[in-house]
Amino acid sequence: MGHVRILGIAFSILVGTGCFAASAHAAPPEGKGQSHDGSGPAVIADQTVAEAVGQLIHPDINYDEVRRIAIDHHYTGYRALPPGIAKNLARGKPLPPGIAKKSAPSRIVRELPTYPDYEWKRCGTDLVLVHIATQIVAEVLANIFK
């Protein structure tokens, strides 16, 4: 009789976990995820990124002047980004996830051109102009803070 009871409990556990496993693979809620026909939020997000990249500004800035400002104000000696992240930091691409982005030093920002809807950030040794709403990189001035 004890073996029958143990088998019954084991069967109940197996059936119960099977139900939970099936619900874990259920379709995402309405409006979430990408639909099977290729439309949906993921495509809309890509279209938004493509539109934003097409509208990026081209800042009129001299690398040597900005580097001189960084040296004059002693904003040098920062560590560079890891190579895997640094290669993804490029114009027209979103800021890589997990990147250590800081606001650029205020003394330098005061001497840089300003653009509506953009902000200057320091990413490792680089000075980066980023579109605020989309976080897409408009300009990378490499090794300004090296």
N, C-alpha and C. Protein backbone atom coordinates (compact mmCIF):
# COMPACT_ATOMS: atom_id res chain seq x y z
N MET A 1 0.82 -1.19 0.00
CA MET A 1 0.00 0.00 0.00
C MET A 1 0.87 1.26 0.00
N GLY A 2 2.02 1.23 0.67
CA GLY A 2 2.92 2.38 0.74
C GLY A 2 3.50 2.73 -0.61
N HIS A 3 3.79 1.67 -1.42
CA HIS A 3 4.36 1.91 -2.75
C HIS A 3 3.34 2.59 -3.66
N VAL A 4 2.07 2.22 -3.52
CA VAL A 4 1.03 2.82 -4.34
C VAL A 4 0.90 4.31 -4.00
N ARG A 5 0.98 4.62 -2.73
CA ARG A 5 0.85 6.02 -2.28
C ARG A 5 2.04 6.84 -2.80
N ILE A 6 3.26 6.30 -2.72
CA ILE A 6 4.45 7.00 -3.20
C ILE A 6 4.37 7.21 -4.71
N LEU A 7 3.92 6.19 -5.44
CA LEU A 7 3.76 6.33 -6.89
C LEU A 7 2.70 7.38 -7.23
N GLY A 8 1.65 7.44 -6.45
CA GLY A 8 0.61 8.44 -6.67
C GLY A 8 1.13 9.85 -6.47
N ILE A 9 1.94 10.03 -5.42
CA ILE A 9 2.52 11.35 -5.16
C ILE A 9 3.49 11.73 -6.27
N ALA A 10 4.33 10.77 -6.69
CA ALA A 10 5.30 11.04 -7.77
C ALA A 10 4.57 11.40 -9.06
N PHE A 11 3.49 10.69 -9.37
CA PHE A 11 2.70 10.98 -10.57
C PHE A 11 2.10 12.39 -10.49
N SER A 12 1.60 12.75 -9.33
CA SER A 12 1.01 14.09 -9.15
C SER A 12 2.07 15.19 -9.36
N ILE A 13 3.26 14.94 -8.86
CA ILE A 13 4.34 15.92 -9.02
C ILE A 13 4.71 16.07 -10.49
N LEU A 14 4.84 14.94 -11.20
CA LEU A 14 5.19 14.99 -12.62
C LEU A 14 4.13 15.70 -13.45
N VAL A 15 2.88 15.42 -13.18
CA VAL A 15 1.79 16.06 -13.92
C VAL A 15 1.76 17.56 -13.61
N GLY A 16 1.94 17.91 -12.35
CA GLY A 16 1.93 19.32 -11.94
C GLY A 16 3.05 20.12 -12.58
N THR A 17 4.27 19.55 -12.62
CA THR A 17 5.37 20.28 -13.23
C THR A 17 5.20 20.37 -14.74
N GLY A 18 4.54 19.40 -15.34
CA GLY A 18 4.26 19.46 -16.78
C GLY A 18 3.34 20.61 -17.12
N CYS A 19 2.37 20.89 -16.27
CA CYS A 19 1.45 22.01 -16.50
C CYS A 19 2.18 23.34 -16.40
N PHE A 20 3.07 23.45 -15.40
CA PHE A 20 3.81 24.70 -15.24
C PHE A 20 4.78 24.90 -16.39
N ALA A 21 5.39 23.83 -16.87
CA ALA A 21 6.32 23.95 -17.99
C ALA A 21 5.60 24.40 -19.24
N ALA A 22 4.39 23.93 -19.46
CA ALA A 22 3.63 24.32 -20.64
C ALA A 22 3.27 25.80 -20.57
N SER A 23 2.93 26.30 -19.39
CA SER A 23 2.56 27.70 -19.28
C SER A 23 3.78 28.61 -19.42
N ALA A 24 4.99 28.10 -19.15
CA ALA A 24 6.20 28.90 -19.29
C ALA A 24 6.51 29.17 -20.76
N HIS A 25 6.02 28.32 -21.66
CA HIS A 25 6.29 28.48 -23.08
C HIS A 25 5.11 29.09 -23.83
N ALA A 26 4.19 29.68 -23.12
CA ALA A 26 3.00 30.27 -23.74
C ALA A 26 3.40 31.51 -24.52
N ALA A 27 2.56 31.94 -25.43
CA ALA A 27 2.80 33.13 -26.23
C ALA A 27 2.83 34.36 -25.34
N PRO A 28 3.59 35.40 -25.74
CA PRO A 28 3.63 36.62 -24.95
C PRO A 28 2.27 37.31 -24.97
N PRO A 29 2.01 38.16 -23.97
CA PRO A 29 0.74 38.88 -23.93
C PRO A 29 0.55 39.74 -25.18
N GLU A 30 -0.68 40.06 -25.48
CA GLU A 30 -1.03 40.88 -26.64
C GLU A 30 -0.21 42.17 -26.64
N GLY A 31 0.42 42.48 -27.76
CA GLY A 31 1.18 43.73 -27.88
C GLY A 31 2.62 43.61 -27.42
N LYS A 32 3.02 42.44 -26.92
CA LYS A 32 4.40 42.24 -26.45
C LYS A 32 5.10 41.29 -27.39
N GLY A 33 6.39 41.49 -27.60
CA GLY A 33 7.16 40.59 -28.45
C GLY A 33 6.91 40.87 -29.93
N GLN A 34 7.51 40.03 -30.78
CA GLN A 34 7.38 40.20 -32.23
C GLN A 34 6.40 39.16 -32.76
N SER A 35 5.52 39.58 -33.66
CA SER A 35 4.56 38.66 -34.23
C SER A 35 5.22 37.82 -35.31
N HIS A 36 4.56 36.74 -35.71
CA HIS A 36 5.13 35.80 -36.66
C HIS A 36 5.21 36.35 -38.07
N ASP A 37 4.43 37.35 -38.40
CA ASP A 37 4.44 37.87 -39.77
C ASP A 37 5.52 38.93 -39.99
N GLY A 38 6.39 39.13 -38.99
CA GLY A 38 7.49 40.07 -39.16
C GLY A 38 7.16 41.49 -38.74
N SER A 39 5.89 41.74 -38.43
CA SER A 39 5.54 43.08 -37.95
C SER A 39 5.52 43.04 -36.44
N GLY A 40 5.34 44.16 -35.83
CA GLY A 40 5.26 44.18 -34.38
C GLY A 40 6.25 45.17 -33.81
N PRO A 41 6.35 45.22 -32.49
CA PRO A 41 7.18 46.21 -31.83
C PRO A 41 8.65 46.20 -32.23
N ALA A 42 9.23 45.01 -32.49
CA ALA A 42 10.65 44.97 -32.83
C ALA A 42 10.90 45.71 -34.14
N VAL A 43 10.04 45.54 -35.12
CA VAL A 43 10.21 46.21 -36.40
C VAL A 43 9.99 47.71 -36.24
N ILE A 44 9.01 48.07 -35.46
CA ILE A 44 8.74 49.50 -35.22
C ILE A 44 9.95 50.13 -34.55
N ALA A 45 10.56 49.43 -33.59
CA ALA A 45 11.74 49.97 -32.92
C ALA A 45 12.87 50.14 -33.91
N ASP A 46 13.08 49.18 -34.83
CA ASP A 46 14.13 49.30 -35.85
C ASP A 46 13.86 50.48 -36.77
N GLN A 47 12.60 50.69 -37.14
CA GLN A 47 12.27 51.82 -38.00
C GLN A 47 12.58 53.13 -37.27
N THR A 48 12.30 53.20 -36.00
CA THR A 48 12.59 54.39 -35.23
C THR A 48 14.09 54.64 -35.18
N VAL A 49 14.87 53.60 -34.97
CA VAL A 49 16.32 53.73 -34.95
C VAL A 49 16.82 54.20 -36.31
N ALA A 50 16.31 53.61 -37.38
CA ALA A 50 16.74 54.00 -38.73
C ALA A 50 16.40 55.46 -39.01
N GLU A 51 15.22 55.88 -38.62
CA GLU A 51 14.84 57.28 -38.81
C GLU A 51 15.74 58.20 -38.01
N ALA A 52 16.03 57.82 -36.78
CA ALA A 52 16.87 58.65 -35.92
C ALA A 52 18.29 58.76 -36.49
N VAL A 53 18.82 57.66 -37.00
CA VAL A 53 20.16 57.68 -37.59
C VAL A 53 20.20 58.62 -38.79
N GLY A 54 19.16 58.62 -39.59
CA GLY A 54 19.10 59.50 -40.75
C GLY A 54 19.04 60.97 -40.38
N GLN A 55 18.60 61.27 -39.18
CA GLN A 55 18.44 62.65 -38.75
C GLN A 55 19.55 63.13 -37.81
N LEU A 56 20.59 62.33 -37.60
CA LEU A 56 21.66 62.73 -36.70
C LEU A 56 22.38 63.97 -37.22
N ILE A 57 22.81 64.80 -36.29
CA ILE A 57 23.55 66.00 -36.66
C ILE A 57 25.02 65.64 -36.88
N HIS A 58 25.71 66.51 -37.57
CA HIS A 58 27.16 66.39 -37.76
C HIS A 58 27.78 67.59 -37.05
N PRO A 59 28.25 67.40 -35.82
CA PRO A 59 28.76 68.56 -35.08
C PRO A 59 30.02 69.15 -35.73
N ASP A 60 30.10 70.45 -35.67
CA ASP A 60 31.25 71.18 -36.20
C ASP A 60 32.20 71.38 -35.03
N ILE A 61 33.16 70.46 -34.89
CA ILE A 61 34.03 70.50 -33.72
C ILE A 61 35.44 70.07 -34.12
N ASN A 62 36.43 70.70 -33.52
CA ASN A 62 37.82 70.42 -33.82
C ASN A 62 38.40 69.53 -32.72
N TYR A 63 38.86 68.35 -33.11
CA TYR A 63 39.39 67.38 -32.16
C TYR A 63 40.54 67.98 -31.33
N ASP A 64 41.48 68.65 -31.99
CA ASP A 64 42.66 69.19 -31.31
C ASP A 64 42.28 70.22 -30.25
N GLU A 65 41.27 71.05 -30.55
CA GLU A 65 40.83 72.06 -29.57
C GLU A 65 40.23 71.39 -28.33
N VAL A 66 39.40 70.37 -28.55
CA VAL A 66 38.76 69.69 -27.42
C VAL A 66 39.81 68.95 -26.60
N ARG A 67 40.76 68.33 -27.25
CA ARG A 67 41.84 67.62 -26.53
C ARG A 67 42.64 68.60 -25.69
N ARG A 68 42.93 69.78 -26.25
CA ARG A 68 43.66 70.81 -25.50
C ARG A 68 42.89 71.25 -24.26
N ILE A 69 41.56 71.42 -24.40
CA ILE A 69 40.73 71.80 -23.26
C ILE A 69 40.80 70.73 -22.18
N ALA A 70 40.73 69.46 -22.58
CA ALA A 70 40.80 68.36 -21.60
C ALA A 70 42.13 68.37 -20.86
N ILE A 71 43.21 68.61 -21.59
CA ILE A 71 44.53 68.64 -20.96
C ILE A 71 44.65 69.84 -20.04
N ASP A 72 44.19 71.02 -20.50
CA ASP A 72 44.28 72.24 -19.69
C ASP A 72 43.52 72.12 -18.37
N HIS A 73 42.40 71.42 -18.39
CA HIS A 73 41.59 71.28 -17.18
C HIS A 73 41.90 69.98 -16.42
N HIS A 74 42.95 69.29 -16.82
CA HIS A 74 43.41 68.06 -16.14
C HIS A 74 42.35 66.96 -16.15
N TYR A 75 41.65 66.82 -17.26
CA TYR A 75 40.67 65.74 -17.42
C TYR A 75 41.27 64.63 -18.28
N THR A 76 42.42 64.15 -17.89
CA THR A 76 43.07 63.07 -18.62
C THR A 76 43.39 61.93 -17.66
N GLY A 77 43.79 60.81 -18.20
CA GLY A 77 44.17 59.68 -17.36
C GLY A 77 43.05 58.70 -17.07
N TYR A 78 41.93 58.84 -17.75
CA TYR A 78 40.84 57.88 -17.56
C TYR A 78 41.19 56.56 -18.23
N ARG A 79 40.54 55.50 -17.79
CA ARG A 79 40.77 54.18 -18.38
C ARG A 79 39.88 54.02 -19.61
N ALA A 80 40.43 53.37 -20.62
CA ALA A 80 39.69 53.12 -21.85
C ALA A 80 38.62 52.05 -21.62
N LEU A 81 37.64 52.03 -22.50
CA LEU A 81 36.61 50.99 -22.44
C LEU A 81 37.21 49.65 -22.82
N PRO A 82 36.63 48.56 -22.35
CA PRO A 82 37.09 47.25 -22.81
C PRO A 82 36.93 47.15 -24.33
N PRO A 83 37.83 46.43 -25.01
CA PRO A 83 37.80 46.39 -26.48
C PRO A 83 36.46 45.93 -27.07
N GLY A 84 35.80 44.97 -26.45
CA GLY A 84 34.52 44.48 -26.97
C GLY A 84 33.45 45.54 -26.95
N ILE A 85 33.45 46.39 -25.95
CA ILE A 85 32.46 47.47 -25.87
C ILE A 85 32.89 48.63 -26.75
N ALA A 86 34.19 48.93 -26.76
CA ALA A 86 34.69 50.07 -27.54
C ALA A 86 34.38 49.92 -29.03
N LYS A 87 34.44 48.69 -29.55
CA LYS A 87 34.19 48.53 -30.99
C LYS A 87 32.72 48.76 -31.34
N ASN A 88 31.83 48.69 -30.34
CA ASN A 88 30.41 48.94 -30.59
C ASN A 88 30.02 50.40 -30.37
N LEU A 89 30.97 51.21 -29.97
CA LEU A 89 30.70 52.63 -29.75
C LEU A 89 31.02 53.37 -31.05
N ALA A 90 29.99 53.60 -31.86
CA ALA A 90 30.19 54.21 -33.17
C ALA A 90 29.01 55.08 -33.55
N ARG A 91 29.26 56.03 -34.43
CA ARG A 91 28.20 56.92 -34.92
C ARG A 91 27.08 56.09 -35.56
N GLY A 92 25.85 56.45 -35.23
CA GLY A 92 24.69 55.79 -35.81
C GLY A 92 24.26 54.54 -35.07
N LYS A 93 24.98 54.15 -34.03
CA LYS A 93 24.61 52.97 -33.25
C LYS A 93 24.15 53.42 -31.87
N PRO A 94 23.22 52.68 -31.27
CA PRO A 94 22.83 53.01 -29.89
C PRO A 94 24.01 52.78 -28.95
N LEU A 95 24.01 53.49 -27.84
CA LEU A 95 25.04 53.24 -26.83
C LEU A 95 24.97 51.78 -26.42
N PRO A 96 26.09 51.10 -26.36
CA PRO A 96 26.07 49.68 -25.97
C PRO A 96 25.52 49.51 -24.56
N PRO A 97 24.75 48.44 -24.32
CA PRO A 97 24.23 48.22 -22.98
C PRO A 97 25.38 47.92 -22.02
N GLY A 98 25.24 48.39 -20.82
CA GLY A 98 26.24 48.13 -19.80
C GLY A 98 27.45 49.03 -19.88
N ILE A 99 27.45 49.97 -20.81
CA ILE A 99 28.61 50.85 -20.95
C ILE A 99 28.61 51.85 -19.80
N ALA A 100 29.81 52.13 -19.29
CA ALA A 100 29.94 53.10 -18.20
C ALA A 100 29.95 54.50 -18.81
N LYS A 101 28.79 55.10 -18.85
CA LYS A 101 28.67 56.43 -19.44
C LYS A 101 28.46 57.45 -18.34
N LYS A 102 29.23 58.49 -18.38
CA LYS A 102 29.15 59.55 -17.39
C LYS A 102 28.89 60.86 -18.13
N SER A 103 28.32 61.80 -17.42
CA SER A 103 28.19 63.13 -18.02
C SER A 103 29.60 63.68 -18.23
N ALA A 104 29.76 64.37 -19.33
CA ALA A 104 31.07 64.98 -19.60
C ALA A 104 31.31 66.06 -18.55
N PRO A 105 32.57 66.29 -18.18
CA PRO A 105 32.89 67.32 -17.19
C PRO A 105 32.32 68.68 -17.60
N SER A 106 31.72 69.37 -16.65
CA SER A 106 31.03 70.63 -16.95
C SER A 106 31.95 71.70 -17.53
N ARG A 107 33.21 71.74 -17.09
CA ARG A 107 34.13 72.74 -17.64
C ARG A 107 34.35 72.53 -19.14
N ILE A 108 34.36 71.29 -19.56
CA ILE A 108 34.54 71.00 -20.98
C ILE A 108 33.25 71.27 -21.74
N VAL A 109 32.12 70.86 -21.17
CA VAL A 109 30.82 71.03 -21.84
C VAL A 109 30.56 72.51 -22.11
N ARG A 110 30.96 73.38 -21.17
CA ARG A 110 30.75 74.82 -21.36
C ARG A 110 31.47 75.35 -22.60
N GLU A 111 32.56 74.70 -22.98
CA GLU A 111 33.34 75.17 -24.11
C GLU A 111 33.03 74.42 -25.41
N LEU A 112 32.08 73.48 -25.34
CA LEU A 112 31.68 72.72 -26.52
C LEU A 112 30.41 73.31 -27.12
N PRO A 113 30.19 73.09 -28.42
CA PRO A 113 28.91 73.53 -28.99
C PRO A 113 27.77 72.72 -28.40
N THR A 114 26.63 73.36 -28.23
CA THR A 114 25.45 72.65 -27.70
C THR A 114 24.44 72.48 -28.84
N TYR A 115 23.72 71.39 -28.75
CA TYR A 115 22.72 71.06 -29.76
C TYR A 115 21.45 70.64 -29.04
N PRO A 116 20.29 71.14 -29.47
CA PRO A 116 19.04 70.72 -28.83
C PRO A 116 18.85 69.20 -28.99
N ASP A 117 18.38 68.57 -27.95
CA ASP A 117 18.09 67.14 -27.90
C ASP A 117 19.33 66.25 -27.88
N TYR A 118 20.51 66.82 -27.67
CA TYR A 118 21.75 66.04 -27.60
C TYR A 118 22.48 66.38 -26.32
N GLU A 119 23.29 65.43 -25.85
CA GLU A 119 24.13 65.70 -24.69
C GLU A 119 25.50 65.05 -24.88
N TRP A 120 26.50 65.67 -24.25
CA TRP A 120 27.85 65.14 -24.30
C TRP A 120 28.04 64.19 -23.13
N LYS A 121 28.66 63.03 -23.39
CA LYS A 121 28.95 62.05 -22.35
C LYS A 121 30.40 61.61 -22.47
N ARG A 122 30.94 61.16 -21.34
CA ARG A 122 32.27 60.57 -21.34
C ARG A 122 32.10 59.07 -21.21
N CYS A 123 32.66 58.35 -22.16
CA CYS A 123 32.63 56.89 -22.15
C CYS A 123 34.08 56.42 -22.19
N GLY A 124 34.61 56.08 -21.03
CA GLY A 124 36.03 55.72 -20.95
C GLY A 124 36.87 56.94 -21.26
N THR A 125 37.69 56.85 -22.29
CA THR A 125 38.54 57.99 -22.69
C THR A 125 37.92 58.80 -23.83
N ASP A 126 36.72 58.44 -24.24
CA ASP A 126 36.08 59.08 -25.40
C ASP A 126 35.03 60.10 -24.98
N LEU A 127 34.90 61.15 -25.78
CA LEU A 127 33.84 62.13 -25.62
C LEU A 127 32.80 61.82 -26.69
N VAL A 128 31.56 61.62 -26.26
CA VAL A 128 30.52 61.13 -27.16
C VAL A 128 29.32 62.07 -27.12
N LEU A 129 28.81 62.41 -28.31
CA LEU A 129 27.59 63.20 -28.42
C LEU A 129 26.45 62.23 -28.69
N VAL A 130 25.44 62.24 -27.80
CA VAL A 130 24.37 61.25 -27.85
C VAL A 130 23.02 61.95 -27.98
N HIS A 131 22.15 61.43 -28.84
CA HIS A 131 20.77 61.91 -28.93
C HIS A 131 20.06 61.44 -27.67
N ILE A 132 19.45 62.34 -26.94
CA ILE A 132 18.90 62.04 -25.63
C ILE A 132 17.76 61.02 -25.70
N ALA A 133 16.82 61.20 -26.60
CA ALA A 133 15.63 60.34 -26.63
C ALA A 133 15.95 58.92 -27.08
N THR A 134 16.82 58.77 -28.08
CA THR A 134 17.08 57.44 -28.64
C THR A 134 18.37 56.81 -28.13
N GLN A 135 19.25 57.61 -27.49
CA GLN A 135 20.56 57.15 -27.03
C GLN A 135 21.43 56.66 -28.20
N ILE A 136 21.21 57.25 -29.38
CA ILE A 136 22.02 56.91 -30.54
C ILE A 136 23.19 57.88 -30.61
N VAL A 137 24.36 57.35 -30.90
CA VAL A 137 25.59 58.13 -30.93
C VAL A 137 25.64 58.97 -32.20
N ALA A 138 25.85 60.28 -32.03
CA ALA A 138 25.97 61.18 -33.16
C ALA A 138 27.43 61.45 -33.51
N GLU A 139 28.31 61.39 -32.52
CA GLU A 139 29.73 61.67 -32.75
C GLU A 139 30.56 61.02 -31.64
N VAL A 140 31.70 60.49 -32.02
CA VAL A 140 32.67 59.94 -31.06
C VAL A 140 33.99 60.65 -31.28
N LEU A 141 34.48 61.31 -30.26
CA LEU A 141 35.81 61.90 -30.28
C LEU A 141 36.69 61.00 -29.42
N ALA A 142 37.44 60.14 -30.08
CA ALA A 142 38.19 59.09 -29.40
C ALA A 142 39.40 59.65 -28.66
N ASN A 143 39.64 59.10 -27.49
CA ASN A 143 40.82 59.36 -26.68
C ASN A 143 41.01 60.81 -26.25
N ILE A 144 39.94 61.55 -26.12
CA ILE A 144 40.02 62.93 -25.62
C ILE A 144 40.54 62.94 -24.18
N PHE A 145 40.11 61.98 -23.38
CA PHE A 145 40.46 61.95 -21.95
C PHE A 145 41.58 60.96 -21.64
N LYS A 146 42.36 60.57 -22.64
CA LYS A 146 43.42 59.59 -22.43
C LYS A 146 44.57 60.19 -21.67
